[in-house]
Amino acid sequence: AEISGIYLQRVQRRTVPIPLEQKIFDTEWVETPVTSAPAPEGSWLVLTDGAESEAVAKEFTAGFGSSTQRVICADLSNESAVLEAFTHAAGDAELPPVGVVIFAGRQSFDGSESGDAPARGRELTWGVASTVRTILTGWHGKPPRLWVVSRDGLAVSDDEPGDPSISALTGLIRVLAYEHPDLRTTLVDLAGDTVTSLADEFGLASGDDVVAWRGGKRHAKRLSRATLGTAKSDAVVRPDG
């Protein structure tokens, strides 16, 4: 106990207070250059969560699929169908699974609490988590990369409302980066041409985990030091508090 006390006193004497401005961070969208290569050859498993996302997936499949890039589709909400599709993809030695793409349907958000954004966010989170479990249990070689694709779900500029159910997925994406780094899970938010933007994104050797394409330009959400505003002298205790 005496030795521990001496050690604690030494640690306390060596502790240097860190200024507040060095401990607060924020996120910002950074435009990044696009120098992509062709997307990897192999099997691509495309999962959809509704009619709107199915239409986008069909558009993507028609422009992306080829003899060396096989696309297999399934319903995200049907876990057995996802497992069957993945087993089918994993059974081809010449075209092994290289990518799993989850298309999340677009949903408008008016900023009120009357919408079903929380419930939809839970459904999407569960669907992505179930897909991760299927990948990890259904494939014993190098796992395919996981992409979650949304449309107009993230607010890049101030005039974009975004979608809370999509924004909520960023937390899951960051957790998967630590728990299953081999999946290199990435959230890609699109606006406009789906096929071209995704083909360019799939060919990038990038470590960004939250990405948005706007007007043909790629933006990555990254961490930066926050700028603290001038301290206000207003009273912090309200009369009606």
Protein backbone atom coordinates (compact mmCIF):
# COMPACT_ATOMS: atom_id res chain seq x y z
CA ALA A 1 0.00 0.00 0.00
CA GLU A 2 2.88 2.36 0.83
CA ILE A 3 4.60 1.66 -2.50
CA SER A 4 1.30 2.20 -4.36
CA GLY A 5 0.81 5.51 -2.59
CA ILE A 6 4.30 6.70 -3.58
CA TYR A 7 3.67 5.65 -7.20
CA LEU A 8 0.33 7.50 -7.25
CA GLN A 9 1.94 10.67 -5.95
CA ARG A 10 4.54 10.51 -8.72
CA VAL A 11 1.86 10.00 -11.39
CA GLN A 12 -0.15 12.92 -10.03
CA ARG A 13 2.90 15.20 -10.08
CA ARG A 14 3.60 14.25 -13.72
CA THR A 15 0.02 14.87 -14.91
CA VAL A 16 -0.13 17.89 -17.20
CA PRO A 17 -3.57 19.44 -17.77
CA ILE A 18 -4.61 19.43 -21.44
CA PRO A 19 -6.38 22.56 -22.74
CA LEU A 20 -10.05 22.07 -23.59
CA GLU A 21 -9.58 23.06 -27.24
CA GLN A 22 -7.24 20.10 -27.67
CA LYS A 23 -9.79 17.58 -26.39
CA ILE A 24 -12.87 18.46 -28.47
CA PHE A 25 -13.33 17.11 -31.99
CA ASP A 26 -15.93 17.45 -34.69
CA THR A 27 -16.61 15.86 -38.08
CA GLU A 28 -16.35 17.54 -41.45
CA TRP A 29 -16.86 16.59 -45.08
CA VAL A 30 -13.65 16.64 -47.09
CA GLU A 31 -13.63 16.42 -50.88
CA THR A 32 -11.22 13.69 -51.94
CA PRO A 33 -9.62 12.94 -55.32
CA VAL A 34 -10.93 9.99 -57.31
CA THR A 35 -8.25 7.80 -58.88
CA SER A 36 -10.08 4.53 -58.98
CA ALA A 37 -9.27 1.26 -60.69
CA PRO A 38 -11.75 -1.32 -62.02
CA ALA A 39 -13.88 -2.95 -59.35
CA PRO A 40 -12.63 -6.38 -58.21
CA GLU A 41 -13.69 -9.41 -60.22
CA GLY A 42 -15.78 -12.04 -58.50
CA SER A 43 -19.27 -12.46 -57.06
CA TRP A 44 -21.17 -9.49 -55.66
CA LEU A 45 -24.07 -10.12 -53.30
CA VAL A 46 -26.67 -7.33 -53.56
CA LEU A 47 -29.26 -7.04 -50.77
CA THR A 48 -32.31 -4.76 -50.81
CA ASP A 49 -34.75 -3.66 -48.12
CA GLY A 50 -37.77 -2.57 -50.16
CA ALA A 51 -39.27 -1.69 -53.53
CA GLU A 52 -37.38 1.60 -53.89
CA SER A 53 -34.02 0.02 -53.17
CA GLU A 54 -34.85 -2.90 -55.49
CA ALA A 55 -35.26 -0.46 -58.39
CA VAL A 56 -31.87 1.09 -57.64
CA ALA A 57 -30.30 -2.36 -57.30
CA LYS A 58 -31.69 -3.40 -60.71
CA GLU A 59 -30.20 -0.27 -62.26
CA PHE A 60 -26.88 -1.03 -60.63
CA THR A 61 -26.95 -4.70 -61.65
CA ALA A 62 -27.73 -3.88 -65.28
CA GLY A 63 -24.77 -1.52 -65.57
CA PHE A 64 -22.30 -3.29 -63.30
CA GLY A 65 -22.75 -7.02 -63.83
CA SER A 66 -20.54 -8.84 -66.33
CA SER A 67 -19.02 -12.23 -67.01
CA THR A 68 -16.29 -11.49 -64.46
CA GLN A 69 -18.48 -9.60 -62.00
CA ARG A 70 -21.43 -11.80 -61.13
CA VAL A 71 -24.27 -10.16 -59.20
CA ILE A 72 -26.60 -12.20 -56.97
CA CYS A 73 -29.60 -10.46 -55.39
CA ALA A 74 -31.61 -11.23 -52.25
CA ASP A 75 -34.04 -9.62 -49.81
CA LEU A 76 -32.26 -8.18 -46.78
CA SER A 77 -35.20 -8.94 -44.48
CA ASN A 78 -35.15 -12.65 -45.39
CA GLU A 79 -32.15 -14.01 -43.50
CA SER A 80 -32.49 -17.51 -44.96
CA ALA A 81 -32.57 -16.07 -48.49
CA VAL A 82 -29.44 -14.05 -47.74
CA LEU A 83 -27.69 -17.15 -46.45
CA GLU A 84 -28.74 -19.15 -49.52
CA ALA A 85 -27.54 -16.42 -51.89
CA PHE A 86 -24.23 -16.16 -50.07
CA THR A 87 -23.78 -19.93 -50.13
CA HIS A 88 -24.45 -19.86 -53.87
CA ALA A 89 -21.86 -17.11 -54.34
CA ALA A 90 -19.30 -18.85 -52.14
CA GLY A 91 -19.68 -22.10 -54.09
CA ASP A 92 -18.04 -20.73 -57.23
CA ALA A 93 -14.27 -21.10 -56.96
CA GLU A 94 -13.66 -19.04 -60.11
CA LEU A 95 -15.77 -16.09 -58.92
CA PRO A 96 -15.47 -16.03 -55.11
CA PRO A 97 -17.35 -13.37 -53.11
CA VAL A 98 -15.57 -10.02 -53.23
CA GLY A 99 -18.31 -7.62 -52.18
CA VAL A 100 -21.62 -7.48 -50.32
CA VAL A 101 -23.75 -4.41 -51.11
CA ILE A 102 -26.77 -3.47 -49.00
CA PHE A 103 -29.09 -0.98 -50.70
CA ALA A 104 -31.14 1.03 -48.20
CA GLY A 105 -34.23 2.63 -49.73
CA ARG A 106 -34.62 6.38 -49.76
CA GLN A 107 -37.03 7.87 -47.26
CA SER A 108 -38.07 11.50 -46.90
CA PHE A 109 -37.73 13.19 -43.52
CA ASP A 110 -39.65 16.35 -42.58
CA GLY A 111 -37.83 17.00 -39.31
CA SER A 112 -40.76 16.05 -37.08
CA GLU A 113 -41.05 13.25 -34.54
CA SER A 114 -44.11 11.76 -36.22
CA GLY A 115 -42.13 9.73 -38.74
CA ASP A 116 -40.88 6.19 -38.37
CA ALA A 117 -37.18 7.04 -38.60
CA PRO A 118 -36.27 5.37 -35.25
CA ALA A 119 -38.02 2.12 -36.17
CA ARG A 120 -36.49 2.11 -39.63
CA GLY A 121 -33.08 2.81 -38.13
CA ARG A 122 -33.44 -0.25 -35.90
CA GLU A 123 -34.51 -2.41 -38.85
CA LEU A 124 -31.55 -1.32 -40.96
CA THR A 125 -29.15 -1.83 -38.07
CA TRP A 126 -30.51 -5.32 -37.49
CA GLY A 127 -30.31 -6.12 -41.21
CA VAL A 128 -26.67 -5.03 -41.44
CA ALA A 129 -25.77 -6.90 -38.23
CA SER A 130 -27.47 -10.07 -39.53
CA THR A 131 -25.59 -9.76 -42.81
CA VAL A 132 -22.31 -9.46 -40.94
CA ARG A 133 -23.13 -12.63 -39.01
CA THR A 134 -23.95 -14.43 -42.27
CA ILE A 135 -20.67 -13.35 -43.84
CA LEU A 136 -18.61 -14.42 -40.86
CA THR A 137 -20.32 -17.83 -40.50
CA GLY A 138 -20.79 -18.61 -44.19
CA TRP A 139 -17.34 -17.89 -45.55
CA HIS A 140 -14.10 -19.16 -44.07
CA GLY A 141 -11.62 -17.56 -46.46
CA LYS A 142 -10.92 -13.88 -46.97
CA PRO A 143 -14.23 -12.13 -46.26
CA PRO A 144 -15.77 -9.92 -48.95
CA ARG A 145 -15.95 -6.21 -48.37
CA LEU A 146 -19.25 -4.85 -47.02
CA TRP A 147 -20.89 -1.73 -48.44
CA VAL A 148 -24.07 -0.02 -47.24
CA VAL A 149 -25.50 2.23 -49.94
CA SER A 150 -28.11 4.92 -49.29
CA ARG A 151 -29.59 7.81 -51.27
CA ASP A 152 -29.85 11.36 -49.89
CA GLY A 153 -29.49 9.98 -46.38
CA LEU A 154 -26.58 12.10 -45.14
CA ALA A 155 -26.54 15.88 -44.84
CA VAL A 156 -23.38 17.02 -46.62
CA SER A 157 -24.42 20.65 -47.17
CA ASP A 158 -26.55 22.86 -44.96
CA ASP A 159 -29.57 22.64 -47.27
CA GLU A 160 -29.80 18.85 -47.06
CA PRO A 161 -32.18 17.48 -44.39
CA GLY A 162 -30.67 13.98 -44.37
CA ASP A 163 -32.35 10.92 -42.89
CA PRO A 164 -31.86 10.01 -39.20
CA SER A 165 -32.31 6.29 -39.94
CA ILE A 166 -29.31 6.43 -42.30
CA SER A 167 -27.23 8.72 -40.08
CA ALA A 168 -27.74 6.26 -37.23
CA LEU A 169 -25.90 3.62 -39.25
CA THR A 170 -22.64 5.56 -38.97
CA GLY A 171 -22.34 4.37 -35.37
CA LEU A 172 -22.64 0.74 -36.45
CA ILE A 173 -20.14 1.31 -39.26
CA ARG A 174 -17.57 2.65 -36.81
CA VAL A 175 -18.15 -0.26 -34.41
CA LEU A 176 -17.63 -2.79 -37.22
CA ALA A 177 -14.36 -1.06 -38.09
CA TYR A 178 -13.04 -2.15 -34.68
CA GLU A 179 -14.79 -5.50 -34.25
CA HIS A 180 -14.42 -6.79 -37.82
CA PRO A 181 -11.79 -4.69 -39.62
CA ASP A 182 -11.39 -7.31 -42.38
CA LEU A 183 -14.85 -6.40 -43.70
CA ARG A 184 -13.77 -2.77 -44.26
CA THR A 185 -17.44 -1.77 -43.93
CA THR A 186 -18.27 1.49 -45.70
CA LEU A 187 -21.41 3.63 -45.83
CA VAL A 188 -21.84 5.32 -49.22
CA ASP A 189 -24.55 7.96 -49.69
CA LEU A 190 -25.48 8.81 -53.29
CA ALA A 191 -27.31 11.56 -55.11
CA GLY A 192 -27.78 11.17 -58.85
CA ASP A 193 -26.05 8.56 -60.99
CA THR A 194 -25.90 5.35 -58.99
CA VAL A 195 -23.95 3.06 -61.31
CA THR A 196 -21.08 5.40 -62.18
CA SER A 197 -20.51 6.62 -58.62
CA LEU A 198 -20.59 3.13 -57.14
CA ALA A 199 -18.32 1.66 -59.81
CA ASP A 200 -15.79 4.40 -59.06
CA GLU A 201 -16.14 3.86 -55.30
CA PHE A 202 -15.73 0.09 -55.53
CA GLY A 203 -12.47 0.53 -57.41
CA LEU A 204 -10.92 2.81 -54.82
CA ALA A 205 -8.36 1.48 -52.35
CA SER A 206 -9.61 3.82 -49.64
CA GLY A 207 -9.92 3.50 -45.90
CA ASP A 208 -12.79 6.00 -45.57
CA ASP A 209 -15.80 4.48 -43.84
CA VAL A 210 -18.44 7.19 -44.43
CA VAL A 211 -18.60 8.60 -47.95
CA ALA A 212 -21.03 10.79 -49.92
CA TRP A 213 -21.11 11.47 -53.66
CA ARG A 214 -22.53 14.81 -54.75
CA GLY A 215 -22.44 16.08 -58.34
CA GLY A 216 -19.83 13.54 -59.37
CA LYS A 217 -17.52 14.56 -56.51
CA ARG A 218 -16.53 12.32 -53.63
CA HIS A 219 -16.68 13.57 -50.04
CA ALA A 220 -15.37 11.67 -47.01
CA LYS A 221 -16.49 12.32 -43.45
CA ARG A 222 -13.44 12.75 -41.29
CA LEU A 223 -12.56 13.83 -37.77
CA SER A 224 -11.09 17.28 -37.14
CA ARG A 225 -10.45 19.50 -34.16
CA ALA A 226 -13.47 21.56 -33.21
CA THR A 227 -13.31 25.34 -33.10
CA LEU A 228 -14.63 26.68 -29.83
CA GLY A 229 -16.71 29.82 -29.99
CA THR A 230 -16.38 32.78 -27.68
CA ALA A 231 -17.66 32.06 -24.20
CA LYS A 232 -21.06 33.57 -23.48
CA SER A 233 -21.87 35.32 -20.22
CA ASP A 234 -25.61 34.50 -20.32
CA ALA A 235 -27.06 32.98 -17.18
CA VAL A 236 -27.08 29.19 -17.26
CA VAL A 237 -29.92 28.94 -14.71
CA ARG A 238 -33.36 29.68 -16.16
CA PRO A 239 -36.15 31.05 -13.95
CA ASP A 240 -38.47 28.36 -15.29
CA GLY A 241 -35.87 25.57 -15.21
